[in-house]
Amino acid sequence: MTGSSVAADQVRAGGGVQPPAPARRRRRGIGWAQRLEIAALSGPAILMFLGFVIFPVLMAGYYGFYKWKGFGRPTNFVGLDNYRTILQDTSFHEALLHNGLIVVLSLVLQGPIALALALLLNRRMRGRSIIRVLIFVPYVIAEVIVGTSWSLLLQTNGAVNGVLRSIGLDGLTQDWLANPKLAIWSLMLILTWKYIGFAVILFLAGMQNIPEELSEAAAVDGASYWQTQRRITLPLLGPTIRIWAFLSIIGALQLFDLVYIIWGQYVASTAGTSTMATYMVTEGRNAGNYGYGNAVAVVLFAISMIIALLYQRFVLRRDTQGALTEGR
């Protein structure tokens, strides 16, 4: 019986002709040349990451179990005593509270101001390039210069109080750095002045990726400028805003340099501007107890890691879902 007659009999029987099963495409493995290329390109970065990130974290965890003076091999094993002291120390609680307050105030103050400036600078206007440069310049100035300059401006006999006295506003002169009710706001003024430029540039870069056709179509439909920004620009700028917020949170949790330069190791705690990082240096290195300082570093790393993972899980998830595809 020929193949055609068999197919005809199957059609008459109602079974139909079964199409041949598609041949599975075999995946081509990565050759040794590609593997060597990947290793050569990614190897240095991996070694740098292991040597300057993972290894110090592991060593900090190791030294955190000892009472160590910073030299020689640690021998005075104290177990979890350093961590118990950290969790029970009211100074650490205050520093943690200050970090949390700085995180919230950074998002509340810097975000709206930077967004308003970015919307303004995204329009065609004279001197737009110069304004962008002036806003971004504070971000690239070294923290030492910023801290020293602002400490001179805000001290009791500084330029700010001098200007107030010269215009007859002596009653407004304050101890901007030592007064616990004002010091945290002075710190937020300095942080906003320095880091607002980074947020503005980041938002402007995000706006450049929004197609102009959407705004033109909204204008044709009769939408006002603010309606266009609220319903088109801001929703499409959401991923950029969330990335900026993540960077701002992590930076606020690890804040050290400006606080230490302006307030020092002793005034920061009394003025209400101490952070976990300044607490680590004060109670660890300056106190000669490097084991305790390493334990504080581990706690700071754990807090930052937990917040980063939670933020990625619940906030950045919507942005990463569209970028991930299943391998086929």
C-alpha atoms as a PDB file:
ATOM      1  CA  MET A   1       0.000   0.000   0.000  1.00  0.00           C
ATOM      2  CA  THR A   2       1.372   3.359  -0.997  1.00  0.00           C
ATOM      3  CA  GLY A   3       1.718   6.358   1.341  1.00  0.00           C
ATOM      4  CA  SER A   4      -0.902   8.351  -0.544  1.00  0.00           C
ATOM      5  CA  SER A   5      -3.511   5.589  -0.225  1.00  0.00           C
ATOM      6  CA  VAL A   6      -2.831   5.290   3.519  1.00  0.00           C
ATOM      7  CA  ALA A   7      -3.335   9.043   3.931  1.00  0.00           C
ATOM      8  CA  ALA A   8      -6.549   8.827   1.932  1.00  0.00           C
ATOM      9  CA  ASP A   9      -7.866   6.006   4.125  1.00  0.00           C
ATOM     10  CA  GLN A  10      -7.059   8.106   7.251  1.00  0.00           C
ATOM     11  CA  VAL A  11      -8.959  11.088   5.895  1.00  0.00           C
ATOM     12  CA  ARG A  12     -11.981   8.908   5.096  1.00  0.00           C
ATOM     13  CA  ALA A  13     -11.868   7.476   8.622  1.00  0.00           C
ATOM     14  CA  GLY A  14     -12.033  11.001  10.080  1.00  0.00           C
ATOM     15  CA  GLY A  15      -8.675  10.816  11.767  1.00  0.00           C
ATOM     16  CA  GLY A  16      -6.972  13.430   9.613  1.00  0.00           C
ATOM     17  CA  VAL A  17      -3.349  13.579   8.734  1.00  0.00           C
ATOM     18  CA  GLN A  18      -1.035  14.185  11.682  1.00  0.00           C
ATOM     19  CA  PRO A  19       1.606  16.791  10.819  1.00  0.00           C
ATOM     20  CA  PRO A  20       5.142  15.731  11.495  1.00  0.00           C
ATOM     21  CA  ALA A  21       6.501  16.825  14.891  1.00  0.00           C
ATOM     22  CA  PRO A  22       8.765  19.880  14.563  1.00  0.00           C
ATOM     23  CA  ALA A  23      12.378  19.110  15.088  1.00  0.00           C
ATOM     24  CA  ARG A  24      13.737  20.543  18.299  1.00  0.00           C
ATOM     25  CA  ARG A  25      16.292  23.216  17.775  1.00  0.00           C
ATOM     26  CA  ARG A  26      19.407  22.332  19.666  1.00  0.00           C
ATOM     27  CA  ARG A  27      20.953  25.112  21.645  1.00  0.00           C
ATOM     28  CA  ARG A  28      24.386  26.003  20.590  1.00  0.00           C
ATOM     29  CA  GLY A  29      26.724  25.991  23.522  1.00  0.00           C
ATOM     30  CA  ILE A  30      29.181  28.756  24.254  1.00  0.00           C
ATOM     31  CA  GLY A  31      32.588  27.939  22.876  1.00  0.00           C
ATOM     32  CA  TRP A  32      35.876  28.298  24.686  1.00  0.00           C
ATOM     33  CA  ALA A  33      36.676  31.478  22.793  1.00  0.00           C
ATOM     34  CA  GLN A  34      33.505  33.159  24.056  1.00  0.00           C
ATOM     35  CA  ARG A  35      34.126  31.917  27.589  1.00  0.00           C
ATOM     36  CA  LEU A  36      37.633  33.302  27.593  1.00  0.00           C
ATOM     37  CA  GLU A  37      36.346  36.619  26.263  1.00  0.00           C
ATOM     38  CA  ILE A  38      33.691  36.818  28.992  1.00  0.00           C
ATOM     39  CA  ALA A  39      36.252  35.925  31.657  1.00  0.00           C
ATOM     40  CA  ALA A  40      38.717  38.503  30.369  1.00  0.00           C
ATOM     41  CA  LEU A  41      36.111  41.273  30.333  1.00  0.00           C
ATOM     42  CA  SER A  42      34.274  40.490  33.568  1.00  0.00           C
ATOM     43  CA  GLY A  43      37.155  38.982  35.553  1.00  0.00           C
ATOM     44  CA  PRO A  44      38.789  42.255  36.698  1.00  0.00           C
ATOM     45  CA  ALA A  45      35.450  43.702  37.787  1.00  0.00           C
ATOM     46  CA  ILE A  46      34.591  40.535  39.719  1.00  0.00           C
ATOM     47  CA  LEU A  47      37.980  40.518  41.424  1.00  0.00           C
ATOM     48  CA  MET A  48      37.597  44.186  42.369  1.00  0.00           C
ATOM     49  CA  PHE A  49      34.118  43.506  43.753  1.00  0.00           C
ATOM     50  CA  LEU A  50      35.305  40.523  45.764  1.00  0.00           C
ATOM     51  CA  GLY A  51      38.395  42.318  47.050  1.00  0.00           C
ATOM     52  CA  PHE A  52      36.875  45.678  47.935  1.00  0.00           C
ATOM     53  CA  VAL A  53      33.272  44.776  48.837  1.00  0.00           C
ATOM     54  CA  ILE A  54      32.732  41.155  49.801  1.00  0.00           C
ATOM     55  CA  PHE A  55      36.055  40.561  51.557  1.00  0.00           C
ATOM     56  CA  PRO A  56      35.849  43.710  53.760  1.00  0.00           C
ATOM     57  CA  VAL A  57      32.290  42.807  54.743  1.00  0.00           C
ATOM     58  CA  LEU A  58      33.362  39.305  55.754  1.00  0.00           C
ATOM     59  CA  MET A  59      36.344  40.653  57.693  1.00  0.00           C
ATOM     60  CA  ALA A  60      34.142  43.218  59.445  1.00  0.00           C
ATOM     61  CA  GLY A  61      31.830  40.403  60.484  1.00  0.00           C
ATOM     62  CA  TYR A  62      34.823  38.455  61.785  1.00  0.00           C
ATOM     63  CA  TYR A  63      36.336  41.350  63.770  1.00  0.00           C
ATOM     64  CA  GLY A  64      32.894  42.234  65.137  1.00  0.00           C
ATOM     65  CA  PHE A  65      33.062  39.185  67.416  1.00  0.00           C
ATOM     66  CA  TYR A  66      36.220  40.477  69.128  1.00  0.00           C
ATOM     67  CA  LYS A  67      37.323  43.341  71.299  1.00  0.00           C
ATOM     68  CA  TRP A  68      40.139  44.491  69.055  1.00  0.00           C
ATOM     69  CA  LYS A  69      42.545  47.436  69.236  1.00  0.00           C
ATOM     70  CA  GLY A  70      43.127  47.599  65.493  1.00  0.00           C
ATOM     71  CA  PHE A  71      46.525  45.921  65.250  1.00  0.00           C
ATOM     72  CA  GLY A  72      47.733  42.363  65.631  1.00  0.00           C
ATOM     73  CA  ARG A  73      45.609  39.272  65.600  1.00  0.00           C
ATOM     74  CA  PRO A  74      42.363  39.579  67.612  1.00  0.00           C
ATOM     75  CA  THR A  75      42.340  37.267  70.625  1.00  0.00           C
ATOM     76  CA  ASN A  76      39.717  38.714  72.990  1.00  0.00           C
ATOM     77  CA  PHE A  77      36.608  36.936  71.729  1.00  0.00           C
ATOM     78  CA  VAL A  78      33.393  38.539  73.022  1.00  0.00           C
ATOM     79  CA  GLY A  79      30.846  36.802  70.831  1.00  0.00           C
ATOM     80  CA  LEU A  80      27.662  38.821  70.359  1.00  0.00           C
ATOM     81  CA  ASP A  81      28.412  41.317  73.134  1.00  0.00           C
ATOM     82  CA  ASN A  82      29.273  44.060  70.646  1.00  0.00           C
ATOM     83  CA  TYR A  83      25.948  43.616  68.890  1.00  0.00           C
ATOM     84  CA  ARG A  84      24.036  43.570  72.164  1.00  0.00           C
ATOM     85  CA  THR A  85      25.715  46.832  73.143  1.00  0.00           C
ATOM     86  CA  ILE A  86      24.769  48.396  69.835  1.00  0.00           C
ATOM     87  CA  LEU A  87      21.118  47.426  70.153  1.00  0.00           C
ATOM     88  CA  GLN A  88      20.962  48.687  73.746  1.00  0.00           C
ATOM     89  CA  ASP A  89      22.892  51.939  73.290  1.00  0.00           C
ATOM     90  CA  THR A  90      20.603  54.985  73.255  1.00  0.00           C
ATOM     91  CA  SER A  91      23.194  56.938  71.260  1.00  0.00           C
ATOM     92  CA  PHE A  92      22.879  54.420  68.429  1.00  0.00           C
ATOM     93  CA  HIS A  93      19.092  54.654  68.659  1.00  0.00           C
ATOM     94  CA  GLU A  94      19.329  58.432  68.267  1.00  0.00           C
ATOM     95  CA  ALA A  95      21.702  58.098  65.335  1.00  0.00           C
ATOM     96  CA  LEU A  96      19.348  55.610  63.664  1.00  0.00           C
ATOM     97  CA  LEU A  97      16.442  58.014  64.236  1.00  0.00           C
ATOM     98  CA  HIS A  98      18.432  60.855  62.682  1.00  0.00           C
ATOM     99  CA  ASN A  99      19.176  58.707  59.626  1.00  0.00           C
ATOM    100  CA  GLY A 100      15.495  57.883  59.250  1.00  0.00           C
ATOM    101  CA  LEU A 101      14.572  61.555  59.547  1.00  0.00           C
ATOM    102  CA  ILE A 102      17.172  62.509  56.941  1.00  0.00           C
ATOM    103  CA  VAL A 103      15.803  59.850  54.575  1.00  0.00           C
ATOM    104  CA  VAL A 104      12.255  61.195  54.860  1.00  0.00           C
ATOM    105  CA  LEU A 105      13.223  64.867  54.634  1.00  0.00           C
ATOM    106  CA  SER A 106      15.499  64.214  51.649  1.00  0.00           C
ATOM    107  CA  LEU A 107      12.645  62.642  49.721  1.00  0.00           C
ATOM    108  CA  VAL A 108      10.094  65.247  50.784  1.00  0.00           C
ATOM    109  CA  LEU A 109      12.286  68.305  50.178  1.00  0.00           C
ATOM    110  CA  GLN A 110      14.603  67.396  47.332  1.00  0.00           C
ATOM    111  CA  GLY A 111      12.118  65.471  45.204  1.00  0.00           C
ATOM    112  CA  PRO A 112       9.487  68.189  44.592  1.00  0.00           C
ATOM    113  CA  ILE A 113      12.078  70.964  44.251  1.00  0.00           C
ATOM    114  CA  ALA A 114      14.154  68.969  41.761  1.00  0.00           C
ATOM    115  CA  LEU A 115      11.057  67.975  39.798  1.00  0.00           C
ATOM    116  CA  ALA A 116       9.872  71.591  39.579  1.00  0.00           C
ATOM    117  CA  LEU A 117      13.301  72.767  38.414  1.00  0.00           C
ATOM    118  CA  ALA A 118      13.513  69.945  35.872  1.00  0.00           C
ATOM    119  CA  LEU A 119      10.093  70.842  34.419  1.00  0.00           C
ATOM    120  CA  LEU A 120      11.172  74.479  34.197  1.00  0.00           C
ATOM    121  CA  LEU A 121      14.530  73.728  32.602  1.00  0.00           C
ATOM    122  CA  ASN A 122      12.968  71.276  30.163  1.00  0.00           C
ATOM    123  CA  ARG A 123      11.237  74.203  28.439  1.00  0.00           C
ATOM    124  CA  ARG A 124      12.931  76.449  25.935  1.00  0.00           C
ATOM    125  CA  MET A 125      14.204  79.543  27.666  1.00  0.00           C
ATOM    126  CA  ARG A 126      17.170  81.862  27.594  1.00  0.00           C
ATOM    127  CA  GLY A 127      20.150  80.872  29.699  1.00  0.00           C
ATOM    128  CA  ARG A 128      18.890  77.346  30.214  1.00  0.00           C
ATOM    129  CA  SER A 129      22.333  75.784  29.804  1.00  0.00           C
ATOM    130  CA  ILE A 130      23.925  78.198  32.274  1.00  0.00           C
ATOM    131  CA  ILE A 131      21.215  77.534  34.868  1.00  0.00           C
ATOM    132  CA  ARG A 132      21.720  73.790  34.469  1.00  0.00           C
ATOM    133  CA  VAL A 133      25.441  74.151  35.073  1.00  0.00           C
ATOM    134  CA  LEU A 134      24.930  76.380  38.126  1.00  0.00           C
ATOM    135  CA  ILE A 135      22.489  73.894  39.637  1.00  0.00           C
ATOM    136  CA  PHE A 136      24.792  70.933  39.008  1.00  0.00           C
ATOM    137  CA  VAL A 137      28.033  72.581  40.195  1.00  0.00           C
ATOM    138  CA  PRO A 138      27.436  72.012  43.961  1.00  0.00           C
ATOM    139  CA  TYR A 139      27.136  68.262  43.348  1.00  0.00           C
ATOM    140  CA  VAL A 140      30.669  67.998  41.944  1.00  0.00           C
ATOM    141  CA  ILE A 141      32.271  70.093  44.701  1.00  0.00           C
ATOM    142  CA  ALA A 142      34.169  67.975  47.227  1.00  0.00           C
ATOM    143  CA  GLU A 143      32.413  67.354  50.532  1.00  0.00           C
ATOM    144  CA  VAL A 144      35.362  68.783  52.456  1.00  0.00           C
ATOM    145  CA  ILE A 145      35.019  72.118  50.676  1.00  0.00           C
ATOM    146  CA  VAL A 146      31.250  72.148  51.104  1.00  0.00           C
ATOM    147  CA  GLY A 147      31.410  71.257  54.785  1.00  0.00           C
ATOM    148  CA  THR A 148      34.124  73.784  55.591  1.00  0.00           C
ATOM    149  CA  SER A 149      32.392  76.586  53.684  1.00  0.00           C
ATOM    150  CA  TRP A 150      28.994  76.038  55.269  1.00  0.00           C
ATOM    151  CA  SER A 151      30.458  75.668  58.758  1.00  0.00           C
ATOM    152  CA  LEU A 152      32.051  79.118  58.331  1.00  0.00           C
ATOM    153  CA  LEU A 153      28.831  80.596  56.974  1.00  0.00           C
ATOM    154  CA  LEU A 154      26.546  79.202  59.694  1.00  0.00           C
ATOM    155  CA  GLN A 155      28.663  79.633  62.816  1.00  0.00           C
ATOM    156  CA  THR A 156      27.633  82.202  65.421  1.00  0.00           C
ATOM    157  CA  ASN A 157      29.893  84.921  64.013  1.00  0.00           C
ATOM    158  CA  GLY A 158      29.518  83.720  60.440  1.00  0.00           C
ATOM    159  CA  ALA A 159      28.336  85.442  57.303  1.00  0.00           C
ATOM    160  CA  VAL A 160      24.666  84.474  57.660  1.00  0.00           C
ATOM    161  CA  ASN A 161      24.263  86.112  61.069  1.00  0.00           C
ATOM    162  CA  GLY A 162      26.408  89.016  59.864  1.00  0.00           C
ATOM    163  CA  VAL A 163      24.020  89.686  56.977  1.00  0.00           C
ATOM    164  CA  LEU A 164      21.029  89.508  59.325  1.00  0.00           C
ATOM    165  CA  ARG A 165      22.623  92.020  61.693  1.00  0.00           C
ATOM    166  CA  SER A 166      23.541  94.367  58.857  1.00  0.00           C
ATOM    167  CA  ILE A 167      19.922  94.637  57.696  1.00  0.00           C
ATOM    168  CA  GLY A 168      18.571  95.121  61.222  1.00  0.00           C
ATOM    169  CA  LEU A 169      17.283  91.577  61.827  1.00  0.00           C
ATOM    170  CA  ASP A 170      19.311  90.866  64.950  1.00  0.00           C
ATOM    171  CA  GLY A 171      16.436  88.916  66.437  1.00  0.00           C
ATOM    172  CA  LEU A 172      16.732  86.273  63.696  1.00  0.00           C
ATOM    173  CA  THR A 173      20.377  85.461  64.402  1.00  0.00           C
ATOM    174  CA  GLN A 174      20.723  81.914  65.659  1.00  0.00           C
ATOM    175  CA  ASP A 175      23.275  79.312  66.573  1.00  0.00           C
ATOM    176  CA  TRP A 176      22.524  77.370  63.398  1.00  0.00           C
ATOM    177  CA  LEU A 177      24.925  74.500  64.089  1.00  0.00           C
ATOM    178  CA  ALA A 178      24.699  73.855  67.841  1.00  0.00           C
ATOM    179  CA  ASN A 179      20.996  74.444  68.498  1.00  0.00           C
ATOM    180  CA  PRO A 180      19.330  70.984  68.462  1.00  0.00           C
ATOM    181  CA  LYS A 181      16.104  72.504  67.128  1.00  0.00           C
ATOM    182  CA  LEU A 182      17.854  74.073  64.133  1.00  0.00           C
ATOM    183  CA  ALA A 183      20.880  71.872  63.434  1.00  0.00           C
ATOM    184  CA  ILE A 184      18.961  69.132  61.605  1.00  0.00           C
ATOM    185  CA  TRP A 185      17.338  71.764  59.358  1.00  0.00           C
ATOM    186  CA  SER A 186      20.716  73.353  58.703  1.00  0.00           C
ATOM    187  CA  LEU A 187      21.958  69.926  57.658  1.00  0.00           C
ATOM    188  CA  MET A 188      18.993  69.440  55.341  1.00  0.00           C
ATOM    189  CA  LEU A 189      19.631  72.861  53.785  1.00  0.00           C
ATOM    190  CA  ILE A 190      23.213  71.862  53.029  1.00  0.00           C
ATOM    191  CA  LEU A 191      22.230  68.431  51.692  1.00  0.00           C
ATOM    192  CA  THR A 192      19.517  69.907  49.478  1.00  0.00           C
ATOM    193  CA  TRP A 193      21.863  72.570  48.130  1.00  0.00           C
ATOM    194  CA  LYS A 194      24.527  69.995  47.302  1.00  0.00           C
ATOM    195  CA  TYR A 195      22.510  67.092  45.913  1.00  0.00           C
ATOM    196  CA  ILE A 196      19.588  68.843  44.205  1.00  0.00           C
ATOM    197  CA  GLY A 197      21.628  69.164  41.024  1.00  0.00           C
ATOM    198  CA  PHE A 198      22.010  65.402  40.681  1.00  0.00           C
ATOM    199  CA  ALA A 199      18.248  64.905  40.928  1.00  0.00           C
ATOM    200  CA  VAL A 200      17.566  67.671  38.395  1.00  0.00           C
ATOM    201  CA  ILE A 201      20.002  66.233  35.833  1.00  0.00           C
ATOM    202  CA  LEU A 202      18.581  62.751  36.372  1.00  0.00           C
ATOM    203  CA  PHE A 203      15.002  63.966  35.854  1.00  0.00           C
ATOM    204  CA  LEU A 204      15.998  65.951  32.773  1.00  0.00           C
ATOM    205  CA  ALA A 205      17.621  62.856  31.292  1.00  0.00           C
ATOM    206  CA  GLY A 206      14.418  60.920  31.913  1.00  0.00           C
ATOM    207  CA  MET A 207      12.326  63.626  30.247  1.00  0.00           C
ATOM    208  CA  GLN A 208      14.466  63.447  27.113  1.00  0.00           C
ATOM    209  CA  ASN A 209      13.266  59.859  26.610  1.00  0.00           C
ATOM    210  CA  ILE A 210       9.594  60.888  26.579  1.00  0.00           C
ATOM    211  CA  PRO A 211       8.400  61.218  22.950  1.00  0.00           C
ATOM    212  CA  GLU A 212       7.368  64.761  22.043  1.00  0.00           C
ATOM    213  CA  GLU A 213       4.523  63.343  19.963  1.00  0.00           C
ATOM    214  CA  LEU A 214       2.615  62.534  23.143  1.00  0.00           C
ATOM    215  CA  SER A 215       2.693  66.128  24.339  1.00  0.00           C
ATOM    216  CA  GLU A 216       1.795  67.398  20.878  1.00  0.00           C
ATOM    217  CA  ALA A 217      -1.149  65.008  20.677  1.00  0.00           C
ATOM    218  CA  ALA A 218      -2.320  66.111  24.134  1.00  0.00           C
ATOM    219  CA  ALA A 219      -2.081  69.754  23.081  1.00  0.00           C
ATOM    220  CA  VAL A 220      -4.163  69.016  19.966  1.00  0.00           C
ATOM    221  CA  ASP A 221      -6.798  67.394  22.175  1.00  0.00           C
ATOM    222  CA  GLY A 222      -6.969  70.590  24.235  1.00  0.00           C
ATOM    223  CA  ALA A 223      -4.925  69.558  27.291  1.00  0.00           C
ATOM    224  CA  SER A 224      -3.235  72.361  29.195  1.00  0.00           C
ATOM    225  CA  TYR A 225       0.465  72.387  30.052  1.00  0.00           C
ATOM    226  CA  TRP A 226      -0.104  71.183  33.612  1.00  0.00           C
ATOM    227  CA  GLN A 227      -2.545  68.490  32.495  1.00  0.00           C
ATOM    228  CA  THR A 228       0.088  67.221  30.078  1.00  0.00           C
ATOM    229  CA  GLN A 229       2.743  67.126  32.789  1.00  0.00           C
ATOM    230  CA  ARG A 230       0.429  65.423  35.277  1.00  0.00           C
ATOM    231  CA  ARG A 231      -0.998  62.801  32.946  1.00  0.00           C
ATOM    232  CA  ILE A 232       1.914  62.158  30.570  1.00  0.00           C
ATOM    233  CA  THR A 233       5.262  63.428  31.848  1.00  0.00           C
ATOM    234  CA  LEU A 234       5.037  62.370  35.488  1.00  0.00           C
ATOM    235  CA  PRO A 235       3.731  58.822  34.845  1.00  0.00           C
ATOM    236  CA  LEU A 236       6.399  58.176  32.209  1.00  0.00           C
ATOM    237  CA  LEU A 237       9.033  59.699  34.516  1.00  0.00           C
ATOM    238  CA  GLY A 238       8.054  57.261  37.280  1.00  0.00           C
ATOM    239  CA  PRO A 239      10.977  54.807  36.765  1.00  0.00           C
ATOM    240  CA  THR A 240      13.502  57.649  36.909  1.00  0.00           C
ATOM    241  CA  ILE A 241      11.915  59.061  40.077  1.00  0.00           C
ATOM    242  CA  ARG A 242      11.979  55.660  41.745  1.00  0.00           C
ATOM    243  CA  ILE A 243      15.650  55.150  40.886  1.00  0.00           C
ATOM    244  CA  TRP A 244      16.501  58.588  42.283  1.00  0.00           C
ATOM    245  CA  ALA A 245      14.550  57.832  45.460  1.00  0.00           C
ATOM    246  CA  PHE A 246      16.475  54.577  45.895  1.00  0.00           C
ATOM    247  CA  LEU A 247      19.832  56.330  45.525  1.00  0.00           C
ATOM    248  CA  SER A 248      18.718  59.076  47.913  1.00  0.00           C
ATOM    249  CA  ILE A 249      17.646  56.564  50.568  1.00  0.00           C
ATOM    250  CA  ILE A 250      20.896  54.624  50.453  1.00  0.00           C
ATOM    251  CA  GLY A 251      22.940  57.830  50.501  1.00  0.00           C
ATOM    252  CA  ALA A 252      21.021  59.164  53.498  1.00  0.00           C
ATOM    253  CA  LEU A 253      21.533  55.919  55.426  1.00  0.00           C
ATOM    254  CA  GLN A 254      25.295  56.065  54.845  1.00  0.00           C
ATOM    255  CA  LEU A 255      25.700  59.818  55.407  1.00  0.00           C
ATOM    256  CA  PHE A 256      28.966  60.616  57.140  1.00  0.00           C
ATOM    257  CA  ASP A 257      31.327  63.147  55.569  1.00  0.00           C
ATOM    258  CA  LEU A 258      29.344  66.398  55.773  1.00  0.00           C
ATOM    259  CA  VAL A 259      28.170  65.703  59.319  1.00  0.00           C
ATOM    260  CA  TYR A 260      31.653  64.793  60.521  1.00  0.00           C
ATOM    261  CA  ILE A 261      33.279  67.798  58.847  1.00  0.00           C
ATOM    262  CA  ILE A 262      30.774  70.395  60.066  1.00  0.00           C
ATOM    263  CA  TRP A 263      29.836  69.105  63.510  1.00  0.00           C
ATOM    264  CA  GLY A 264      32.762  66.867  64.421  1.00  0.00           C
ATOM    265  CA  GLN A 265      32.640  63.785  66.609  1.00  0.00           C
ATOM    266  CA  TYR A 266      31.263  65.395  69.771  1.00  0.00           C
ATOM    267  CA  VAL A 267      28.979  68.236  68.654  1.00  0.00           C
ATOM    268  CA  ALA A 268      27.009  66.008  66.257  1.00  0.00           C
ATOM    269  CA  SER A 269      25.457  63.957  69.063  1.00  0.00           C
ATOM    270  CA  THR A 270      24.529  66.975  71.179  1.00  0.00           C
ATOM    271  CA  ALA A 271      23.228  68.953  68.195  1.00  0.00           C
ATOM    272  CA  GLY A 272      21.018  66.089  67.017  1.00  0.00           C
ATOM    273  CA  THR A 273      22.769  65.432  63.711  1.00  0.00           C
ATOM    274  CA  SER A 274      24.688  62.239  64.489  1.00  0.00           C
ATOM    275  CA  THR A 275      24.291  59.343  62.070  1.00  0.00           C
ATOM    276  CA  MET A 276      25.091  55.651  62.205  1.00  0.00           C
ATOM    277  CA  ALA A 277      28.310  56.274  60.282  1.00  0.00           C
ATOM    278  CA  THR A 278      29.507  59.020  62.652  1.00  0.00           C
ATOM    279  CA  TYR A 279      28.564  56.805  65.590  1.00  0.00           C
ATOM    280  CA  MET A 280      30.660  54.012  64.074  1.00  0.00           C
ATOM    281  CA  VAL A 281      33.733  56.239  63.776  1.00  0.00           C
ATOM    282  CA  THR A 282      33.279  57.874  67.183  1.00  0.00           C
ATOM    283  CA  GLU A 283      32.669  54.683  69.162  1.00  0.00           C
ATOM    284  CA  GLY A 284      34.988  52.525  67.079  1.00  0.00           C
ATOM    285  CA  ARG A 285      38.105  54.162  65.708  1.00  0.00           C
ATOM    286  CA  ASN A 286      38.228  57.226  67.965  1.00  0.00           C
ATOM    287  CA  ALA A 287      37.547  55.112  71.056  1.00  0.00           C
ATOM    288  CA  GLY A 288      40.232  52.583  70.080  1.00  0.00           C
ATOM    289  CA  ASN A 289      37.684  49.745  69.925  1.00  0.00           C
ATOM    290  CA  TYR A 290      37.907  48.625  66.313  1.00  0.00           C
ATOM    291  CA  GLY A 291      36.008  45.424  66.966  1.00  0.00           C
ATOM    292  CA  TYR A 292      32.994  47.409  68.108  1.00  0.00           C
ATOM    293  CA  GLY A 293      33.322  49.706  65.100  1.00  0.00           C
ATOM    294  CA  ASN A 294      33.305  46.696  62.776  1.00  0.00           C
ATOM    295  CA  ALA A 295      30.173  45.414  64.477  1.00  0.00           C
ATOM    296  CA  VAL A 296      28.483  48.781  63.867  1.00  0.00           C
ATOM    297  CA  ALA A 297      29.569  48.589  60.226  1.00  0.00           C
ATOM    298  CA  VAL A 298      27.936  45.167  59.919  1.00  0.00           C
ATOM    299  CA  VAL A 299      24.697  46.492  61.415  1.00  0.00           C
ATOM    300  CA  LEU A 300      24.756  49.473  59.043  1.00  0.00           C
ATOM    301  CA  PHE A 301      25.382  47.157  56.102  1.00  0.00           C
ATOM    302  CA  ALA A 302      22.533  44.861  57.176  1.00  0.00           C
ATOM    303  CA  ILE A 303      20.071  47.750  57.539  1.00  0.00           C
ATOM    304  CA  SER A 304      21.018  49.164  54.127  1.00  0.00           C
ATOM    305  CA  MET A 305      20.809  45.728  52.500  1.00  0.00           C
ATOM    306  CA  ILE A 306      17.381  44.964  53.975  1.00  0.00           C
ATOM    307  CA  ILE A 307      15.967  48.323  52.897  1.00  0.00           C
ATOM    308  CA  ALA A 308      17.474  47.919  49.422  1.00  0.00           C
ATOM    309  CA  LEU A 309      15.967  44.447  48.997  1.00  0.00           C
ATOM    310  CA  LEU A 310      12.548  45.559  50.246  1.00  0.00           C
ATOM    311  CA  TYR A 311      12.615  48.588  47.957  1.00  0.00           C
ATOM    312  CA  GLN A 312      13.546  46.444  44.985  1.00  0.00           C
ATOM    313  CA  ARG A 313      10.878  43.887  45.867  1.00  0.00           C
ATOM    314  CA  PHE A 314       7.950  46.260  46.351  1.00  0.00           C
ATOM    315  CA  VAL A 315       8.869  49.472  44.465  1.00  0.00           C
ATOM    316  CA  LEU A 316      11.260  48.638  41.637  1.00  0.00           C
ATOM    317  CA  ARG A 317       9.505  45.393  40.761  1.00  0.00           C
ATOM    318  CA  ARG A 318       7.172  47.114  38.281  1.00  0.00           C
ATOM    319  CA  ASP A 319      10.180  48.519  36.413  1.00  0.00           C
ATOM    320  CA  THR A 320      12.140  45.250  36.254  1.00  0.00           C
ATOM    321  CA  GLN A 321       9.247  43.000  35.243  1.00  0.00           C
ATOM    322  CA  GLY A 322       9.073  44.472  31.764  1.00  0.00           C
ATOM    323  CA  ALA A 323      12.820  44.133  31.266  1.00  0.00           C
ATOM    324  CA  LEU A 324      12.997  40.465  32.179  1.00  0.00           C
ATOM    325  CA  THR A 325      12.067  37.801  29.635  1.00  0.00           C
ATOM    326  CA  GLU A 326      12.010  34.070  29.888  1.00  0.00           C
ATOM    327  CA  GLY A 327      14.778  32.190  28.163  1.00  0.00           C
ATOM    328  CA  ARG A 328      13.534  30.021  25.309  1.00  0.00           C
END
